[in-house]
PDB file of N, CA and C in Angstrom:
ATOM      1  N   MET A   1      68.471  94.695 121.462  1.00  0.00           N
ATOM      2  CA  MET A   1      67.684  96.054 120.774  1.00  0.00           C
ATOM      3  C   MET A   1      68.261  97.213 121.248  1.00  0.00           C
ATOM      4  N   ALA A   2      68.047  98.181 120.067  1.00  0.00           N
ATOM      5  CA  ALA A   2      68.757  99.713 120.645  1.00  0.00           C
ATOM      6  C   ALA A   2      67.810 100.156 121.683  1.00  0.00           C
ATOM      7  N   ASN A   3      68.398 100.668 122.416  1.00  0.00           N
ATOM      8  CA  ASN A   3      67.607 101.650 123.559  1.00  0.00           C
ATOM      9  C   ASN A   3      67.268 103.173 122.982  1.00  0.00           C
ATOM     10  N   LEU A   4      66.152 103.072 122.200  1.00  0.00           N
ATOM     11  CA  LEU A   4      66.099 104.604 121.467  1.00  0.00           C
ATOM     12  C   LEU A   4      65.739 105.790 122.698  1.00  0.00           C
ATOM     13  N   THR A   5      65.890 105.530 123.799  1.00  0.00           N
ATOM     14  CA  THR A   5      65.720 106.627 124.782  1.00  0.00           C
ATOM     15  C   THR A   5      67.359 107.189 124.930  1.00  0.00           C
ATOM     16  N   LYS A   6      68.255 106.680 124.718  1.00  0.00           N
ATOM     17  CA  LYS A   6      69.493 107.047 125.507  1.00  0.00           C
ATOM     18  C   LYS A   6      70.551 107.242 123.832  1.00  0.00           C
ATOM     19  N   ILE A   7      69.939 107.429 122.927  1.00  0.00           N
ATOM     20  CA  ILE A   7      70.625 107.429 121.578  1.00  0.00           C
ATOM     21  C   ILE A   7      71.416 108.923 121.761  1.00  0.00           C
ATOM     22  N   ASP A   8      72.853 108.963 121.372  1.00  0.00           N
ATOM     23  CA  ASP A   8      73.659 110.016 121.641  1.00  0.00           C
ATOM     24  C   ASP A   8      73.843 110.354 120.131  1.00  0.00           C
ATOM     25  N   LEU A   9      72.857 111.626 119.873  1.00  0.00           N
ATOM     26  CA  LEU A   9      72.820 111.948 118.505  1.00  0.00           C
ATOM     27  C   LEU A   9      73.548 113.216 118.534  1.00  0.00           C
ATOM     28  N   GLU A  10      74.207 113.204 117.526  1.00  0.00           N
ATOM     29  CA  GLU A  10      74.700 115.107 116.874  1.00  0.00           C
ATOM     30  C   GLU A  10      73.823 115.709 116.037  1.00  0.00           C
ATOM     31  N   TYR A  11      73.359 116.548 115.507  1.00  0.00           N
ATOM     32  CA  TYR A  11      73.200 117.017 114.607  1.00  0.00           C
ATOM     33  C   TYR A  11      73.729 118.142 113.449  1.00  0.00           C
ATOM     34  N   ILE A  12      73.667 117.674 112.010  1.00  0.00           N
ATOM     35  CA  ILE A  12      74.415 118.727 111.525  1.00  0.00           C
ATOM     36  C   ILE A  12      73.577 119.751 110.869  1.00  0.00           C
ATOM     37  N   THR A  13      73.716 121.045 110.758  1.00  0.00           N
ATOM     38  CA  THR A  13      72.707 122.176 110.481  1.00  0.00           C
ATOM     39  C   THR A  13      73.021 122.778 109.027  1.00  0.00           C
ATOM     40  N   ASP A  14      72.175 123.421 109.058  1.00  0.00           N
ATOM     41  CA  ASP A  14      72.468 124.388 107.761  1.00  0.00           C
ATOM     42  C   ASP A  14      72.939 125.862 108.251  1.00  0.00           C
ATOM     43  N   GLU A  15      72.797 126.978 107.602  1.00  0.00           N
ATOM     44  CA  GLU A  15      73.157 127.934 108.037  1.00  0.00           C
ATOM     45  C   GLU A  15      72.321 128.879 108.885  1.00  0.00           C
ATOM     46  N   SER A  16      70.708 127.884 108.370  1.00  0.00           N
ATOM     47  CA  SER A  16      70.056 129.181 109.239  1.00  0.00           C
ATOM     48  C   SER A  16      69.502 128.062 110.656  1.00  0.00           C
ATOM     49  N   GLY A  17      70.358 127.316 110.999  1.00  0.00           N
ATOM     50  CA  GLY A  17      70.308 126.463 112.215  1.00  0.00           C
ATOM     51  C   GLY A  17      68.632 125.195 111.594  1.00  0.00           C
ATOM     52  N   GLN A  18      68.363 124.960 110.618  1.00  0.00           N
ATOM     53  CA  GLN A  18      67.709 123.796 110.429  1.00  0.00           C
ATOM     54  C   GLN A  18      68.713 122.532 110.723  1.00  0.00           C
ATOM     55  N   ARG A  19      68.186 121.650 111.148  1.00  0.00           N
ATOM     56  CA  ARG A  19      69.018 120.249 111.088  1.00  0.00           C
ATOM     57  C   ARG A  19      68.583 119.547 109.631  1.00  0.00           C
ATOM     58  N   ARG A  20      69.665 119.210 108.940  1.00  0.00           N
ATOM     59  CA  ARG A  20      69.800 118.244 107.914  1.00  0.00           C
ATOM     60  C   ARG A  20      70.362 117.225 107.861  1.00  0.00           C
ATOM     61  N   SER A  21      71.201 116.715 109.235  1.00  0.00           N
ATOM     62  CA  SER A  21      71.400 115.229 109.039  1.00  0.00           C
ATOM     63  C   SER A  21      71.876 114.933 110.666  1.00  0.00           C
ATOM     64  N   VAL A  22      71.931 113.805 110.566  1.00  0.00           N
ATOM     65  CA  VAL A  22      71.935 112.952 112.102  1.00  0.00           C
ATOM     66  C   VAL A  22      73.456 112.455 112.239  1.00  0.00           C
ATOM     67  N   VAL A  23      74.395 112.262 113.290  1.00  0.00           N
ATOM     68  CA  VAL A  23      75.499 111.748 113.155  1.00  0.00           C
ATOM     69  C   VAL A  23      75.119 110.821 114.645  1.00  0.00           C
ATOM     70  N   LEU A  24      75.572 109.655 114.520  1.00  0.00           N
ATOM     71  CA  LEU A  24      75.291 108.472 115.539  1.00  0.00           C
ATOM     72  C   LEU A  24      76.646 107.551 115.734  1.00  0.00           C
ATOM     73  N   PRO A  25      76.862 107.110 117.020  1.00  0.00           N
ATOM     74  CA  PRO A  25      77.832 106.268 116.957  1.00  0.00           C
ATOM     75  C   PRO A  25      77.824 104.740 116.156  1.00  0.00           C
ATOM     76  N   ILE A  26      78.923 104.485 115.869  1.00  0.00           N
ATOM     77  CA  ILE A  26      79.009 103.388 114.578  1.00  0.00           C
ATOM     78  C   ILE A  26      77.930 101.971 115.581  1.00  0.00           C
ATOM     79  N   ALA A  27      77.750 101.848 116.680  1.00  0.00           N
ATOM     80  CA  ALA A  27      77.492 100.512 117.466  1.00  0.00           C
ATOM     81  C   ALA A  27      76.281 100.896 117.884  1.00  0.00           C
ATOM     82  N   THR A  28      75.415 102.239 117.557  1.00  0.00           N
ATOM     83  CA  THR A  28      74.135 102.104 117.846  1.00  0.00           C
ATOM     84  C   THR A  28      73.912 102.270 116.382  1.00  0.00           C
ATOM     85  N   PHE A  29      74.257 102.656 115.215  1.00  0.00           N
ATOM     86  CA  PHE A  29      73.854 102.371 113.758  1.00  0.00           C
ATOM     87  C   PHE A  29      73.816 100.812 113.771  1.00  0.00           C
ATOM     88  N   GLU A  30      75.055 100.033 113.916  1.00  0.00           N
ATOM     89  CA  GLU A  30      74.597  98.843 113.683  1.00  0.00           C
ATOM     90  C   GLU A  30      73.533  97.926 114.737  1.00  0.00           C
ATOM     91  N   ALA A  31      73.484  98.699 115.827  1.00  0.00           N
ATOM     92  CA  ALA A  31      72.224  98.108 116.514  1.00  0.00           C
ATOM     93  C   ALA A  31      70.694  98.042 116.048  1.00  0.00           C
ATOM     94  N   LEU A  32      70.493  99.386 115.413  1.00  0.00           N
ATOM     95  CA  LEU A  32      69.213  99.761 114.697  1.00  0.00           C
ATOM     96  C   LEU A  32      69.478  98.893 113.363  1.00  0.00           C
ATOM     97  N   LEU A  33      70.390  98.854 112.901  1.00  0.00           N
ATOM     98  CA  LEU A  33      70.458  97.880 111.651  1.00  0.00           C
ATOM     99  C   LEU A  33      69.863  96.432 111.683  1.00  0.00           C
ATOM    100  N   GLU A  34      70.348  96.074 113.428  1.00  0.00           N
ATOM    101  CA  GLU A  34      69.893  94.654 113.494  1.00  0.00           C
ATOM    102  C   GLU A  34      68.636  94.770 113.950  1.00  0.00           C
ATOM    103  N   ASP A  35      68.168  95.675 114.743  1.00  0.00           N
ATOM    104  CA  ASP A  35      66.778  95.536 114.844  1.00  0.00           C
ATOM    105  C   ASP A  35      65.846  95.608 113.544  1.00  0.00           C
ATOM    106  N   LEU A  36      66.389  96.292 112.762  1.00  0.00           N
ATOM    107  CA  LEU A  36      65.342  96.573 111.370  1.00  0.00           C
ATOM    108  C   LEU A  36      65.361  95.389 110.977  1.00  0.00           C
ATOM    109  N   GLN A  37      66.735  94.236 110.826  1.00  0.00           N
ATOM    110  CA  GLN A  37      66.491  93.584 109.944  1.00  0.00           C
ATOM    111  C   GLN A  37      65.734  92.017 111.042  1.00  0.00           C
ATOM    112  N   ASP A  38      65.560  92.240 112.184  1.00  0.00           N
ATOM    113  CA  ASP A  38      64.999  91.449 112.851  1.00  0.00           C
ATOM    114  C   ASP A  38      63.531  92.021 112.739  1.00  0.00           C
ATOM    115  N   LEU A  39      62.881  92.693 112.797  1.00  0.00           N
ATOM    116  CA  LEU A  39      61.543  93.151 112.209  1.00  0.00           C
ATOM    117  C   LEU A  39      61.191  93.089 111.034  1.00  0.00           C
ATOM    118  N   ALA A  40      62.302  92.553 109.783  1.00  0.00           N
ATOM    119  CA  ALA A  40      61.715  92.519 108.110  1.00  0.00           C
ATOM    120  C   ALA A  40      61.529  90.957 108.568  1.00  0.00           C
ATOM    121  N   THR A  41      62.383  90.083 109.730  1.00  0.00           N
ATOM    122  CA  THR A  41      62.363  88.924 109.428  1.00  0.00           C
ATOM    123  C   THR A  41      60.827  88.483 110.021  1.00  0.00           C
ATOM    124  N   ILE A  42      60.136  89.126 111.351  1.00  0.00           N
ATOM    125  CA  ILE A  42      59.090  88.837 112.036  1.00  0.00           C
ATOM    126  C   ILE A  42      58.115  89.068 110.940  1.00  0.00           C
ATOM    127  N   ALA A  43      58.024  90.269 110.072  1.00  0.00           N
ATOM    128  CA  ALA A  43      56.784  90.477 109.214  1.00  0.00           C
ATOM    129  C   ALA A  43      57.276  89.227 107.817  1.00  0.00           C
ATOM    130  N   LYS A  44      58.169  89.088 107.884  1.00  0.00           N
ATOM    131  CA  LYS A  44      58.192  87.941 106.526  1.00  0.00           C
ATOM    132  C   LYS A  44      57.427  86.557 107.164  1.00  0.00           C
ATOM    133  N   ARG A  45      57.618  86.347 108.197  1.00  0.00           N
ATOM    134  CA  ARG A  45      57.013  85.501 108.797  1.00  0.00           C
ATOM    135  C   ARG A  45      55.844  84.959 109.437  1.00  0.00           C
ATOM    136  N   ARG A  46      54.941  86.160 109.726  1.00  0.00           N
ATOM    137  CA  ARG A  46      54.009  86.614 110.040  1.00  0.00           C
ATOM    138  C   ARG A  46      53.135  85.477 110.423  1.00  0.00           C
ATOM    139  N   ASP A  47      52.705  84.573 108.784  1.00  0.00           N
ATOM    140  CA  ASP A  47      51.550  83.957 108.368  1.00  0.00           C
ATOM    141  C   ASP A  47      52.289  82.232 108.323  1.00  0.00           C
ATOM    142  N   GLU A  48      53.396  82.224 109.141  1.00  0.00           N
ATOM    143  CA  GLU A  48      53.931  80.797 109.087  1.00  0.00           C
ATOM    144  C   GLU A  48      53.212  80.252 110.195  1.00  0.00           C
ATOM    145  N   PRO A  49      52.836  79.052 109.886  1.00  0.00           N
ATOM    146  CA  PRO A  49      52.003  78.026 111.195  1.00  0.00           C
ATOM    147  C   PRO A  49      52.986  77.778 112.472  1.00  0.00           C
ATOM    148  N   THR A  50      52.436  78.176 113.664  1.00  0.00           N
ATOM    149  CA  THR A  50      53.228  78.327 114.689  1.00  0.00           C
ATOM    150  C   THR A  50      53.563  76.283 115.532  1.00  0.00           C
ATOM    151  N   VAL A  51      54.443  76.283 115.995  1.00  0.00           N
ATOM    152  CA  VAL A  51      54.457  75.305 117.186  1.00  0.00           C
ATOM    153  C   VAL A  51      54.392  75.580 118.375  1.00  0.00           C
ATOM    154  N   SER A  52      53.724  74.381 119.390  1.00  0.00           N
ATOM    155  CA  SER A  52      53.535  74.851 120.338  1.00  0.00           C
ATOM    156  C   SER A  52      55.204  74.139 121.470  1.00  0.00           C
ATOM    157  N   HIS A  53      55.259  74.728 122.579  1.00  0.00           N
ATOM    158  CA  HIS A  53      56.440  74.699 123.073  1.00  0.00           C
ATOM    159  C   HIS A  53      56.717  73.017 123.242  1.00  0.00           C
ATOM    160  N   GLU A  54      55.271  72.550 123.500  1.00  0.00           N
ATOM    161  CA  GLU A  54      55.512  70.738 123.889  1.00  0.00           C
ATOM    162  C   GLU A  54      56.106  70.058 122.658  1.00  0.00           C
ATOM    163  N   GLU A  55      55.418  70.645 121.171  1.00  0.00           N
ATOM    164  CA  GLU A  55      56.126  70.221 119.944  1.00  0.00           C
ATOM    165  C   GLU A  55      57.541  70.407 119.825  1.00  0.00           C
ATOM    166  N   LEU A  56      57.482  71.479 120.046  1.00  0.00           N
ATOM    167  CA  LEU A  56      58.772  71.775 119.784  1.00  0.00           C
ATOM    168  C   LEU A  56      60.045  70.546 120.687  1.00  0.00           C
ATOM    169  N   ILE A  57      59.531  70.866 121.935  1.00  0.00           N
ATOM    170  CA  ILE A  57      60.739  70.356 123.155  1.00  0.00           C
ATOM    171  C   ILE A  57      60.605  68.579 122.057  1.00  0.00           C
ATOM    172  N   ALA A  58      59.802  68.504 121.581  1.00  0.00           N
ATOM    173  CA  ALA A  58      59.470  66.757 121.680  1.00  0.00           C
ATOM    174  C   ALA A  58      59.982  66.547 120.128  1.00  0.00           C
ATOM    175  N   GLU A  59      60.009  67.396 119.473  1.00  0.00           N
ATOM    176  CA  GLU A  59      61.059  67.196 118.094  1.00  0.00           C
ATOM    177  C   GLU A  59      62.638  67.498 118.188  1.00  0.00           C
ATOM    178  N   LEU A  60      62.766  68.447 118.988  1.00  0.00           N
ATOM    179  CA  LEU A  60      64.010  68.513 119.705  1.00  0.00           C
ATOM    180  C   LEU A  60      64.954  67.608 120.117  1.00  0.00           C
ATOM    181  N   LYS A  61      63.961  66.305 120.826  1.00  0.00           N
ATOM    182  CA  LYS A  61      64.522  65.647 121.565  1.00  0.00           C
ATOM    183  C   LYS A  61      64.133  64.023 120.491  1.00  0.00           C
ATOM    184  N   ARG A  62      63.821  63.944 119.928  1.00  0.00           N
ATOM    185  CA  ARG A  62      63.279  63.261 118.615  1.00  0.00           C
ATOM    186  C   ARG A  62      64.692  63.450 117.471  1.00  0.00           C
ATOM    187  N   ASN A  63      65.386  64.837 117.551  1.00  0.00           N
ATOM    188  CA  ASN A  63      66.402  65.045 116.558  1.00  0.00           C
ATOM    189  C   ASN A  63      67.573  64.665 117.678  1.00  0.00           C
ATOM    190  N   GLY A  64      67.666  64.190 118.686  1.00  0.00           N
ATOM    191  CA  GLY A  64      68.757  64.081 119.580  1.00  0.00           C
ATOM    192  C   GLY A  64      69.514  65.777 120.044  1.00  0.00           C
ATOM    193  N   LEU A  65      68.785  66.448 119.963  1.00  0.00           N
ATOM    194  CA  LEU A  65      68.948  67.962 120.140  1.00  0.00           C
ATOM    195  C   LEU A  65      68.927  68.210 121.546  1.00  0.00           C
ATOM    196  N   LEU A  66      68.067  67.618 122.158  1.00  0.00           N
ATOM    197  CA  LEU A  66      67.574  67.687 123.658  1.00  0.00           C
ATOM    198  C   LEU A  66      67.726  66.276 124.337  1.00  0.00           C
ATOM    199  N   PRO A  67      68.168  65.968 125.620  1.00  0.00           N
ATOM    200  CA  PRO A  67      68.713  64.909 126.127  1.00  0.00           C
ATOM    201  C   PRO A  67      66.927  64.795 126.773  1.00  0.00           C
ATOM    202  N   ASP A  68      66.713  63.120 126.613  1.00  0.00           N
ATOM    203  CA  ASP A  68      65.360  62.536 127.166  1.00  0.00           C
ATOM    204  C   ASP A  68      65.001  62.298 128.632  1.00  0.00           C
TER     205      ASP A  68
END
């Protein structure tokens, strides 16, 4: 997740000094996009039924994805 308190931003200003655009490192931009995608997925799945930890472990064992 992007650390919003430590983003290295540069601003592009107009002739009167008003901020018009922002420039940020590509890695920061990509991290922000990934966070945005994660949040969209969370919102989309909000109403899906949940599974307890115990049920998940049992299912993974049944499917051979975890040792007994």
